[in-house]
Amino acid sequence: MQLLDHPDARAFILHWGEMGTHWGVNRSVAQVHALLYLSDRPLPADDIVEGLTLARSNVSTALKELQGYGIVRRVHVEGDRRDHFTAETDLWEMLMRIVAERKRREIDPTIALLGELAARLKDDAAAPAQLRERVGRMHEFLGTLGGWYEQVRVLPRPTLVALMKLGGKVARFVAPLAGKAKD
């Protein structure tokens, strides 16, 4: 595979795999994603196995996980009966899909549990005050974060890009409201 002959492609794939472990993603999953992201054509699983020298089972598991995130999809190549795989290359789309899936898997269940706990603790006179207060604050905080995400995710891409480029400058517009908000 010509792409993998280039040392910078290899460096990217290895680094992406290493970073994946810091993001809570298996190294093999991140490496498969990196290879597909860099590839100029859809790849069959056999080429991924050979190119990354990973076990077939690892590649199969990685492809399923990446498809679950919606950042890799299975495609058919005319004249080839094997399944081929390609990665989302639009970085904003990739980011939004990953964030949506992580929110669904990690944040939403936590908000639901905290809501149940906060409701039970509200009427539990035997519960320590700090338990009621801290669980309630955490529920409110994560609920606010989830609500913010739901509002931001539907913004048009140019607006998202503009917000990102504003960075800390957006504080000038938000600062007058900051005194009214409570974290």
N, C-alpha and C. Protein backbone atom coordinates (compact mmCIF):
# COMPACT_ATOMS: atom_id res chain seq x y z
N MET A 1 0.85 -1.17 0.00
CA MET A 1 0.00 0.00 0.00
C MET A 1 0.90 1.24 0.00
N GLN A 2 0.85 1.97 -1.06
CA GLN A 2 1.76 3.09 -1.28
C GLN A 2 1.66 4.15 -0.17
N LEU A 3 0.46 4.42 0.29
CA LEU A 3 0.28 5.42 1.35
C LEU A 3 1.12 5.08 2.57
N LEU A 4 1.13 3.82 2.95
CA LEU A 4 1.85 3.40 4.15
C LEU A 4 3.36 3.36 3.96
N ASP A 5 3.81 3.53 2.74
CA ASP A 5 5.25 3.61 2.50
C ASP A 5 5.81 4.97 2.87
N HIS A 6 4.94 5.94 3.01
CA HIS A 6 5.40 7.29 3.33
C HIS A 6 5.56 7.42 4.85
N PRO A 7 6.74 7.86 5.31
CA PRO A 7 6.98 7.92 6.76
C PRO A 7 6.04 8.88 7.50
N ASP A 8 5.60 9.94 6.84
CA ASP A 8 4.71 10.87 7.53
C ASP A 8 3.30 10.28 7.69
N ALA A 9 2.88 9.46 6.73
CA ALA A 9 1.60 8.76 6.88
C ALA A 9 1.69 7.81 8.06
N ARG A 10 2.78 7.07 8.13
CA ARG A 10 2.99 6.14 9.26
C ARG A 10 3.02 6.91 10.58
N ALA A 11 3.72 8.05 10.59
CA ALA A 11 3.82 8.86 11.82
C ALA A 11 2.43 9.33 12.26
N PHE A 12 1.62 9.77 11.30
CA PHE A 12 0.27 10.23 11.62
C PHE A 12 -0.56 9.09 12.20
N ILE A 13 -0.53 7.94 11.55
CA ILE A 13 -1.32 6.80 11.99
C ILE A 13 -0.89 6.35 13.39
N LEU A 14 0.40 6.27 13.63
CA LEU A 14 0.89 5.87 14.95
C LEU A 14 0.49 6.88 16.02
N HIS A 15 0.64 8.16 15.69
CA HIS A 15 0.28 9.21 16.66
C HIS A 15 -1.22 9.20 16.94
N TRP A 16 -2.02 9.06 15.88
CA TRP A 16 -3.48 9.04 16.04
C TRP A 16 -3.88 7.87 16.94
N GLY A 17 -3.21 6.74 16.75
CA GLY A 17 -3.47 5.58 17.61
C GLY A 17 -3.12 5.87 19.06
N GLU A 18 -1.98 6.51 19.27
CA GLU A 18 -1.57 6.87 20.63
C GLU A 18 -2.54 7.87 21.24
N MET A 19 -2.95 8.87 20.47
CA MET A 19 -3.91 9.86 20.98
C MET A 19 -5.25 9.20 21.30
N GLY A 20 -5.63 8.24 20.48
CA GLY A 20 -6.88 7.53 20.74
C GLY A 20 -6.93 6.95 22.14
N THR A 21 -5.81 6.42 22.60
CA THR A 21 -5.79 5.86 23.95
C THR A 21 -6.04 6.94 25.01
N HIS A 22 -5.63 8.16 24.74
CA HIS A 22 -5.87 9.27 25.67
C HIS A 22 -7.32 9.74 25.61
N TRP A 23 -7.98 9.49 24.48
CA TRP A 23 -9.38 9.89 24.31
C TRP A 23 -10.35 8.78 24.70
N GLY A 24 -9.81 7.67 25.22
CA GLY A 24 -10.67 6.57 25.61
C GLY A 24 -11.05 5.65 24.46
N VAL A 25 -10.25 5.68 23.40
CA VAL A 25 -10.51 4.84 22.22
C VAL A 25 -9.35 3.86 22.09
N ASN A 26 -9.65 2.63 21.77
CA ASN A 26 -8.63 1.62 21.57
C ASN A 26 -7.65 2.06 20.49
N ARG A 27 -6.38 1.79 20.69
CA ARG A 27 -5.32 2.18 19.75
C ARG A 27 -5.60 1.66 18.33
N SER A 28 -6.02 0.40 18.23
CA SER A 28 -6.30 -0.19 16.91
C SER A 28 -7.44 0.55 16.22
N VAL A 29 -8.46 0.91 16.96
CA VAL A 29 -9.60 1.63 16.40
C VAL A 29 -9.12 2.97 15.82
N ALA A 30 -8.33 3.68 16.59
CA ALA A 30 -7.82 4.98 16.13
C ALA A 30 -6.89 4.82 14.93
N GLN A 31 -6.08 3.79 14.91
CA GLN A 31 -5.18 3.58 13.76
C GLN A 31 -5.97 3.24 12.50
N VAL A 32 -6.98 2.41 12.63
CA VAL A 32 -7.82 2.09 11.47
C VAL A 32 -8.48 3.36 10.96
N HIS A 33 -8.98 4.17 11.88
CA HIS A 33 -9.59 5.44 11.46
C HIS A 33 -8.58 6.32 10.73
N ALA A 34 -7.39 6.44 11.27
CA ALA A 34 -6.36 7.27 10.65
C ALA A 34 -6.03 6.79 9.25
N LEU A 35 -5.88 5.50 9.08
CA LEU A 35 -5.57 4.96 7.75
C LEU A 35 -6.69 5.26 6.77
N LEU A 36 -7.92 5.02 7.17
CA LEU A 36 -9.04 5.29 6.27
C LEU A 36 -9.18 6.79 5.98
N TYR A 37 -8.92 7.61 6.97
CA TYR A 37 -8.99 9.06 6.77
C TYR A 37 -7.97 9.52 5.74
N LEU A 38 -6.77 8.97 5.80
CA LEU A 38 -5.72 9.38 4.88
C LEU A 38 -5.85 8.77 3.49
N SER A 39 -6.55 7.66 3.38
CA SER A 39 -6.64 6.93 2.11
C SER A 39 -7.47 7.71 1.08
N ASP A 40 -7.01 7.64 -0.16
CA ASP A 40 -7.73 8.32 -1.24
C ASP A 40 -8.76 7.41 -1.90
N ARG A 41 -8.93 6.21 -1.35
CA ARG A 41 -9.90 5.27 -1.90
C ARG A 41 -10.41 4.37 -0.78
N PRO A 42 -11.60 3.81 -0.96
CA PRO A 42 -12.10 2.86 0.04
C PRO A 42 -11.18 1.64 0.11
N LEU A 43 -11.03 1.10 1.32
CA LEU A 43 -10.14 -0.05 1.53
C LEU A 43 -10.92 -1.24 2.04
N PRO A 44 -10.59 -2.43 1.54
CA PRO A 44 -11.18 -3.64 2.12
C PRO A 44 -10.47 -3.96 3.43
N ALA A 45 -11.16 -4.70 4.28
CA ALA A 45 -10.59 -5.05 5.59
C ALA A 45 -9.25 -5.75 5.45
N ASP A 46 -9.10 -6.60 4.43
CA ASP A 46 -7.83 -7.32 4.24
C ASP A 46 -6.66 -6.37 4.07
N ASP A 47 -6.86 -5.28 3.32
CA ASP A 47 -5.78 -4.30 3.13
C ASP A 47 -5.45 -3.58 4.43
N ILE A 48 -6.47 -3.34 5.25
CA ILE A 48 -6.25 -2.68 6.54
C ILE A 48 -5.45 -3.61 7.45
N VAL A 49 -5.85 -4.88 7.49
CA VAL A 49 -5.14 -5.88 8.29
C VAL A 49 -3.67 -5.92 7.89
N GLU A 50 -3.43 -6.04 6.59
CA GLU A 50 -2.06 -6.14 6.08
C GLU A 50 -1.28 -4.85 6.30
N GLY A 51 -1.89 -3.72 6.01
CA GLY A 51 -1.19 -2.45 6.11
C GLY A 51 -0.81 -2.06 7.52
N LEU A 52 -1.69 -2.36 8.46
CA LEU A 52 -1.43 -1.98 9.85
C LEU A 52 -0.89 -3.14 10.68
N THR A 53 -0.76 -4.29 10.07
CA THR A 53 -0.33 -5.52 10.76
C THR A 53 -1.11 -5.75 12.06
N LEU A 54 -2.42 -5.69 11.92
CA LEU A 54 -3.32 -5.94 13.04
C LEU A 54 -4.04 -7.27 12.80
N ALA A 55 -4.52 -7.86 13.85
CA ALA A 55 -5.31 -9.08 13.74
C ALA A 55 -6.63 -8.76 13.04
N ARG A 56 -7.10 -9.69 12.26
CA ARG A 56 -8.36 -9.51 11.54
C ARG A 56 -9.50 -9.17 12.51
N SER A 57 -9.51 -9.83 13.67
CA SER A 57 -10.56 -9.57 14.65
C SER A 57 -10.49 -8.13 15.17
N ASN A 58 -9.28 -7.60 15.35
CA ASN A 58 -9.13 -6.21 15.80
C ASN A 58 -9.67 -5.24 14.75
N VAL A 59 -9.37 -5.51 13.50
CA VAL A 59 -9.84 -4.65 12.42
C VAL A 59 -11.36 -4.72 12.31
N SER A 60 -11.91 -5.91 12.41
CA SER A 60 -13.36 -6.08 12.34
C SER A 60 -14.05 -5.31 13.47
N THR A 61 -13.53 -5.45 14.68
CA THR A 61 -14.08 -4.74 15.83
C THR A 61 -13.93 -3.23 15.65
N ALA A 62 -12.79 -2.79 15.17
CA ALA A 62 -12.55 -1.36 14.95
C ALA A 62 -13.52 -0.80 13.93
N LEU A 63 -13.72 -1.51 12.85
CA LEU A 63 -14.63 -1.03 11.81
C LEU A 63 -16.06 -0.92 12.34
N LYS A 64 -16.48 -1.88 13.15
CA LYS A 64 -17.83 -1.81 13.73
C LYS A 64 -17.96 -0.59 14.65
N GLU A 65 -16.94 -0.37 15.47
CA GLU A 65 -17.00 0.78 16.38
C GLU A 65 -17.01 2.10 15.60
N LEU A 66 -16.17 2.20 14.60
CA LEU A 66 -16.10 3.43 13.81
C LEU A 66 -17.39 3.67 13.03
N GLN A 67 -18.02 2.60 12.57
CA GLN A 67 -19.32 2.74 11.91
C GLN A 67 -20.38 3.17 12.92
N GLY A 68 -20.26 2.69 14.16
CA GLY A 68 -21.18 3.10 15.21
C GLY A 68 -21.11 4.59 15.49
N TYR A 69 -19.92 5.14 15.36
CA TYR A 69 -19.75 6.59 15.53
C TYR A 69 -20.19 7.36 14.29
N GLY A 70 -20.38 6.66 13.20
CA GLY A 70 -20.81 7.31 11.96
C GLY A 70 -19.68 8.02 11.24
N ILE A 71 -18.42 7.67 11.56
CA ILE A 71 -17.30 8.34 10.90
C ILE A 71 -16.60 7.44 9.89
N VAL A 72 -17.06 6.20 9.79
CA VAL A 72 -16.60 5.26 8.76
C VAL A 72 -17.85 4.58 8.23
N ARG A 73 -17.87 4.37 6.93
CA ARG A 73 -19.00 3.67 6.35
C ARG A 73 -18.52 2.60 5.39
N ARG A 74 -19.37 1.61 5.23
CA ARG A 74 -19.09 0.50 4.31
C ARG A 74 -19.58 0.92 2.94
N VAL A 75 -18.78 0.66 1.94
CA VAL A 75 -19.15 0.97 0.55
C VAL A 75 -18.83 -0.25 -0.31
N HIS A 76 -19.45 -0.29 -1.44
CA HIS A 76 -19.18 -1.37 -2.40
C HIS A 76 -18.41 -0.79 -3.57
N VAL A 77 -17.43 -1.53 -4.00
CA VAL A 77 -16.61 -1.13 -5.14
C VAL A 77 -16.99 -2.04 -6.30
N GLU A 78 -17.33 -1.42 -7.41
CA GLU A 78 -17.75 -2.19 -8.58
C GLU A 78 -16.66 -3.19 -8.98
N GLY A 79 -17.09 -4.42 -9.21
CA GLY A 79 -16.16 -5.46 -9.63
C GLY A 79 -15.47 -6.18 -8.49
N ASP A 80 -15.76 -5.80 -7.26
CA ASP A 80 -15.14 -6.43 -6.09
C ASP A 80 -16.25 -6.81 -5.12
N ARG A 81 -16.32 -8.05 -4.77
CA ARG A 81 -17.40 -8.54 -3.90
C ARG A 81 -17.17 -8.22 -2.43
N ARG A 82 -15.95 -7.85 -2.08
CA ARG A 82 -15.64 -7.55 -0.68
C ARG A 82 -16.24 -6.21 -0.28
N ASP A 83 -16.48 -6.07 1.03
CA ASP A 83 -16.87 -4.77 1.58
C ASP A 83 -15.63 -3.91 1.66
N HIS A 84 -15.79 -2.66 1.33
CA HIS A 84 -14.72 -1.67 1.46
C HIS A 84 -15.19 -0.62 2.45
N PHE A 85 -14.24 0.11 2.99
CA PHE A 85 -14.56 1.09 4.02
C PHE A 85 -13.90 2.42 3.71
N THR A 86 -14.63 3.47 4.03
CA THR A 86 -14.11 4.82 3.80
C THR A 86 -14.46 5.68 5.01
N ALA A 87 -13.62 6.64 5.30
CA ALA A 87 -13.83 7.51 6.46
C ALA A 87 -14.41 8.85 6.02
N GLU A 88 -15.14 9.44 6.92
CA GLU A 88 -15.61 10.81 6.73
C GLU A 88 -14.38 11.70 6.69
N THR A 89 -14.27 12.54 5.68
CA THR A 89 -13.11 13.43 5.59
C THR A 89 -13.46 14.88 5.89
N ASP A 90 -14.74 15.18 6.00
CA ASP A 90 -15.15 16.53 6.39
C ASP A 90 -14.95 16.63 7.90
N LEU A 91 -13.99 17.43 8.31
CA LEU A 91 -13.60 17.48 9.72
C LEU A 91 -14.72 17.97 10.64
N TRP A 92 -15.50 18.94 10.19
CA TRP A 92 -16.61 19.41 11.02
C TRP A 92 -17.66 18.32 11.18
N GLU A 93 -17.96 17.64 10.08
CA GLU A 93 -18.94 16.55 10.15
C GLU A 93 -18.44 15.45 11.08
N MET A 94 -17.17 15.12 10.95
CA MET A 94 -16.58 14.10 11.80
C MET A 94 -16.68 14.52 13.28
N LEU A 95 -16.31 15.74 13.58
CA LEU A 95 -16.38 16.23 14.95
C LEU A 95 -17.80 16.16 15.49
N MET A 96 -18.76 16.62 14.70
CA MET A 96 -20.14 16.64 15.17
C MET A 96 -20.67 15.22 15.40
N ARG A 97 -20.29 14.29 14.56
CA ARG A 97 -20.74 12.91 14.74
C ARG A 97 -20.13 12.28 15.99
N ILE A 98 -18.85 12.54 16.20
CA ILE A 98 -18.18 11.98 17.38
C ILE A 98 -18.78 12.57 18.65
N VAL A 99 -18.96 13.87 18.67
CA VAL A 99 -19.52 14.52 19.86
C VAL A 99 -20.94 14.02 20.12
N ALA A 100 -21.75 13.90 19.08
CA ALA A 100 -23.12 13.42 19.25
C ALA A 100 -23.14 12.00 19.83
N GLU A 101 -22.27 11.16 19.33
CA GLU A 101 -22.24 9.77 19.81
C GLU A 101 -21.70 9.70 21.24
N ARG A 102 -20.67 10.47 21.54
CA ARG A 102 -20.14 10.47 22.91
C ARG A 102 -21.19 11.01 23.89
N LYS A 103 -21.91 12.04 23.47
CA LYS A 103 -22.97 12.56 24.33
C LYS A 103 -24.03 11.49 24.57
N ARG A 104 -24.43 10.81 23.51
CA ARG A 104 -25.45 9.77 23.63
C ARG A 104 -24.99 8.63 24.55
N ARG A 105 -23.73 8.24 24.42
CA ARG A 105 -23.21 7.11 25.20
C ARG A 105 -22.83 7.47 26.63
N GLU A 106 -22.33 8.68 26.83
CA GLU A 106 -21.72 9.02 28.12
C GLU A 106 -22.50 10.07 28.92
N ILE A 107 -22.88 11.15 28.28
CA ILE A 107 -23.50 12.25 29.01
C ILE A 107 -24.98 11.99 29.30
N ASP A 108 -25.73 11.57 28.28
CA ASP A 108 -27.17 11.37 28.47
C ASP A 108 -27.50 10.38 29.59
N PRO A 109 -26.83 9.21 29.66
CA PRO A 109 -27.13 8.31 30.78
C PRO A 109 -26.77 8.91 32.14
N THR A 110 -25.72 9.71 32.17
CA THR A 110 -25.31 10.34 33.42
C THR A 110 -26.33 11.38 33.85
N ILE A 111 -26.83 12.17 32.91
CA ILE A 111 -27.86 13.16 33.23
C ILE A 111 -29.11 12.46 33.76
N ALA A 112 -29.48 11.36 33.12
CA ALA A 112 -30.68 10.62 33.55
C ALA A 112 -30.50 10.08 34.98
N LEU A 113 -29.35 9.48 35.25
CA LEU A 113 -29.11 8.95 36.59
C LEU A 113 -29.09 10.07 37.62
N LEU A 114 -28.39 11.15 37.31
CA LEU A 114 -28.32 12.26 38.26
C LEU A 114 -29.70 12.85 38.52
N GLY A 115 -30.55 12.89 37.50
CA GLY A 115 -31.92 13.37 37.68
C GLY A 115 -32.70 12.49 38.65
N GLU A 116 -32.54 11.17 38.49
CA GLU A 116 -33.20 10.23 39.41
C GLU A 116 -32.68 10.40 40.83
N LEU A 117 -31.35 10.49 40.96
CA LEU A 117 -30.76 10.65 42.28
C LEU A 117 -31.19 11.97 42.92
N ALA A 118 -31.16 13.05 42.16
CA ALA A 118 -31.54 14.35 42.70
C ALA A 118 -32.99 14.33 43.17
N ALA A 119 -33.87 13.70 42.40
CA ALA A 119 -35.29 13.62 42.79
C ALA A 119 -35.45 12.83 44.09
N ARG A 120 -34.75 11.70 44.20
CA ARG A 120 -34.84 10.90 45.43
C ARG A 120 -34.25 11.64 46.62
N LEU A 121 -33.10 12.26 46.40
CA LEU A 121 -32.41 12.95 47.50
C LEU A 121 -33.19 14.16 48.00
N LYS A 122 -33.93 14.79 47.12
CA LYS A 122 -34.70 15.98 47.49
C LYS A 122 -35.63 15.70 48.67
N ASP A 123 -36.20 14.50 48.69
CA ASP A 123 -37.15 14.13 49.74
C ASP A 123 -36.55 13.24 50.83
N ASP A 124 -35.23 13.04 50.77
CA ASP A 124 -34.56 12.15 51.73
C ASP A 124 -33.91 12.99 52.83
N ALA A 125 -34.63 13.16 53.92
CA ALA A 125 -34.12 13.97 55.04
C ALA A 125 -32.88 13.35 55.68
N ALA A 126 -32.70 12.05 55.52
CA ALA A 126 -31.55 11.38 56.13
C ALA A 126 -30.27 11.56 55.31
N ALA A 127 -30.41 12.02 54.09
CA ALA A 127 -29.24 12.18 53.22
C ALA A 127 -28.44 13.40 53.67
N PRO A 128 -27.12 13.29 53.68
CA PRO A 128 -26.29 14.44 54.05
C PRO A 128 -26.57 15.62 53.10
N ALA A 129 -26.57 16.81 53.66
CA ALA A 129 -26.89 18.01 52.88
C ALA A 129 -25.96 18.18 51.68
N GLN A 130 -24.67 17.91 51.89
CA GLN A 130 -23.73 18.10 50.78
C GLN A 130 -23.99 17.11 49.65
N LEU A 131 -24.50 15.92 49.98
CA LEU A 131 -24.85 14.94 48.95
C LEU A 131 -25.98 15.47 48.08
N ARG A 132 -27.04 15.95 48.73
CA ARG A 132 -28.16 16.54 47.99
C ARG A 132 -27.70 17.71 47.13
N GLU A 133 -26.92 18.59 47.74
CA GLU A 133 -26.47 19.81 47.04
C GLU A 133 -25.56 19.48 45.87
N ARG A 134 -24.61 18.62 46.06
CA ARG A 134 -23.61 18.35 45.01
C ARG A 134 -24.20 17.52 43.87
N VAL A 135 -25.02 16.56 44.18
CA VAL A 135 -25.67 15.79 43.11
C VAL A 135 -26.61 16.71 42.33
N GLY A 136 -27.33 17.56 43.04
CA GLY A 136 -28.23 18.51 42.37
C GLY A 136 -27.47 19.48 41.46
N ARG A 137 -26.34 20.00 41.97
CA ARG A 137 -25.53 20.91 41.14
C ARG A 137 -24.95 20.20 39.93
N MET A 138 -24.49 18.97 40.13
CA MET A 138 -23.92 18.22 39.01
C MET A 138 -25.00 17.94 37.96
N HIS A 139 -26.20 17.60 38.40
CA HIS A 139 -27.30 17.36 37.47
C HIS A 139 -27.61 18.63 36.69
N GLU A 140 -27.70 19.74 37.39
CA GLU A 140 -27.99 21.01 36.72
C GLU A 140 -26.88 21.39 35.74
N PHE A 141 -25.63 21.21 36.16
CA PHE A 141 -24.49 21.55 35.31
C PHE A 141 -24.49 20.72 34.02
N LEU A 142 -24.59 19.40 34.17
CA LEU A 142 -24.57 18.54 32.98
C LEU A 142 -25.81 18.76 32.12
N GLY A 143 -26.94 19.05 32.74
CA GLY A 143 -28.15 19.37 31.98
C GLY A 143 -27.96 20.65 31.16
N THR A 144 -27.32 21.64 31.77
CA THR A 144 -27.03 22.89 31.06
C THR A 144 -26.06 22.64 29.92
N LEU A 145 -25.04 21.84 30.18
CA LEU A 145 -24.08 21.49 29.13
C LEU A 145 -24.78 20.77 27.97
N GLY A 146 -25.63 19.82 28.30
CA GLY A 146 -26.38 19.10 27.27
C GLY A 146 -27.29 20.02 26.49
N GLY A 147 -27.94 20.93 27.17
CA GLY A 147 -28.81 21.91 26.49
C GLY A 147 -28.02 22.83 25.58
N TRP A 148 -26.85 23.25 26.05
CA TRP A 148 -25.98 24.10 25.23
C TRP A 148 -25.57 23.36 23.97
N TYR A 149 -25.17 22.11 24.13
CA TYR A 149 -24.78 21.31 22.97
C TYR A 149 -25.93 21.21 21.97
N GLU A 150 -27.13 20.93 22.46
CA GLU A 150 -28.28 20.79 21.55
C GLU A 150 -28.53 22.08 20.77
N GLN A 151 -28.30 23.23 21.41
CA GLN A 151 -28.47 24.50 20.70
C GLN A 151 -27.35 24.75 19.70
N VAL A 152 -26.13 24.43 20.08
CA VAL A 152 -24.97 24.70 19.23
C VAL A 152 -24.94 23.76 18.02
N ARG A 153 -25.31 22.52 18.20
CA ARG A 153 -25.18 21.54 17.12
C ARG A 153 -26.06 21.85 15.91
N VAL A 154 -27.10 22.63 16.10
CA VAL A 154 -27.98 22.96 14.98
C VAL A 154 -27.61 24.29 14.31
N LEU A 155 -26.60 24.96 14.84
CA LEU A 155 -26.16 26.21 14.22
C LEU A 155 -25.57 25.91 12.84
N PRO A 156 -25.74 26.82 11.91
CA PRO A 156 -25.11 26.63 10.60
C PRO A 156 -23.58 26.58 10.75
N ARG A 157 -22.96 25.79 9.92
CA ARG A 157 -21.51 25.61 10.00
C ARG A 157 -20.76 26.94 9.97
N PRO A 158 -21.10 27.87 9.10
CA PRO A 158 -20.36 29.15 9.12
C PRO A 158 -20.43 29.86 10.48
N THR A 159 -21.55 29.71 11.16
CA THR A 159 -21.68 30.31 12.49
C THR A 159 -20.78 29.59 13.48
N LEU A 160 -20.73 28.27 13.41
CA LEU A 160 -19.84 27.51 14.29
C LEU A 160 -18.38 27.88 14.05
N VAL A 161 -18.01 28.00 12.79
CA VAL A 161 -16.63 28.37 12.46
C VAL A 161 -16.33 29.77 13.01
N ALA A 162 -17.26 30.69 12.84
CA ALA A 162 -17.06 32.06 13.34
C ALA A 162 -16.91 32.05 14.87
N LEU A 163 -17.74 31.27 15.55
CA LEU A 163 -17.63 31.18 17.01
C LEU A 163 -16.28 30.62 17.43
N MET A 164 -15.84 29.60 16.72
CA MET A 164 -14.56 29.00 17.06
C MET A 164 -13.43 29.99 16.84
N LYS A 165 -13.48 30.72 15.76
CA LYS A 165 -12.42 31.68 15.46
C LYS A 165 -12.44 32.85 16.43
N LEU A 166 -13.61 33.17 16.96
CA LEU A 166 -13.68 34.24 17.96
C LEU A 166 -12.93 33.86 19.23
N GLY A 167 -13.00 32.57 19.57
CA GLY A 167 -12.30 32.10 20.76
C GLY A 167 -12.67 32.91 21.99
N GLY A 168 -11.66 33.36 22.71
CA GLY A 168 -11.87 34.12 23.94
C GLY A 168 -12.50 35.48 23.73
N LYS A 169 -12.46 35.98 22.50
CA LYS A 169 -13.06 37.29 22.22
C LYS A 169 -14.57 37.29 22.45
N VAL A 170 -15.19 36.11 22.38
CA VAL A 170 -16.62 36.02 22.60
C VAL A 170 -16.98 36.46 24.02
N ALA A 171 -16.01 36.43 24.92
CA ALA A 171 -16.25 36.83 26.31
C ALA A 171 -16.74 38.28 26.42
N ARG A 172 -16.32 39.14 25.49
CA ARG A 172 -16.79 40.53 25.52
C ARG A 172 -18.30 40.61 25.41
N PHE A 173 -18.88 39.68 24.64
CA PHE A 173 -20.32 39.69 24.45
C PHE A 173 -21.05 38.97 25.58
N VAL A 174 -20.35 38.03 26.19
CA VAL A 174 -20.97 37.21 27.23
C VAL A 174 -20.76 37.80 28.62
N ALA A 175 -19.68 38.54 28.82
CA ALA A 175 -19.33 39.06 30.15
C ALA A 175 -20.49 39.77 30.85
N PRO A 176 -21.25 40.62 30.16
CA PRO A 176 -22.37 41.27 30.87
C PRO A 176 -23.41 40.27 31.41
N LEU A 177 -23.51 39.10 30.77
CA LEU A 177 -24.47 38.10 31.22
C LEU A 177 -23.88 37.20 32.32
N ALA A 178 -22.57 37.18 32.42
CA ALA A 178 -21.90 36.25 33.34
C ALA A 178 -22.30 36.47 34.80
N GLY A 179 -22.51 37.70 35.17
CA GLY A 179 -22.89 37.99 36.56
C GLY A 179 -24.26 37.45 36.89
N LYS A 180 -25.10 37.25 35.87
CA LYS A 180 -26.46 36.77 36.09
C LYS A 180 -26.54 35.25 36.15
N ALA A 181 -25.52 34.60 35.62
CA ALA A 181 -25.53 33.12 35.58
C ALA A 181 -24.82 32.55 36.78
N LYS A 182 -25.22 31.35 37.17
CA LYS A 182 -24.57 30.67 38.28
C LYS A 182 -24.17 29.29 37.80
N ASP A 183 -22.89 28.93 37.99
CA ASP A 183 -22.47 27.58 37.57
C ASP A 183 -22.91 26.62 38.60
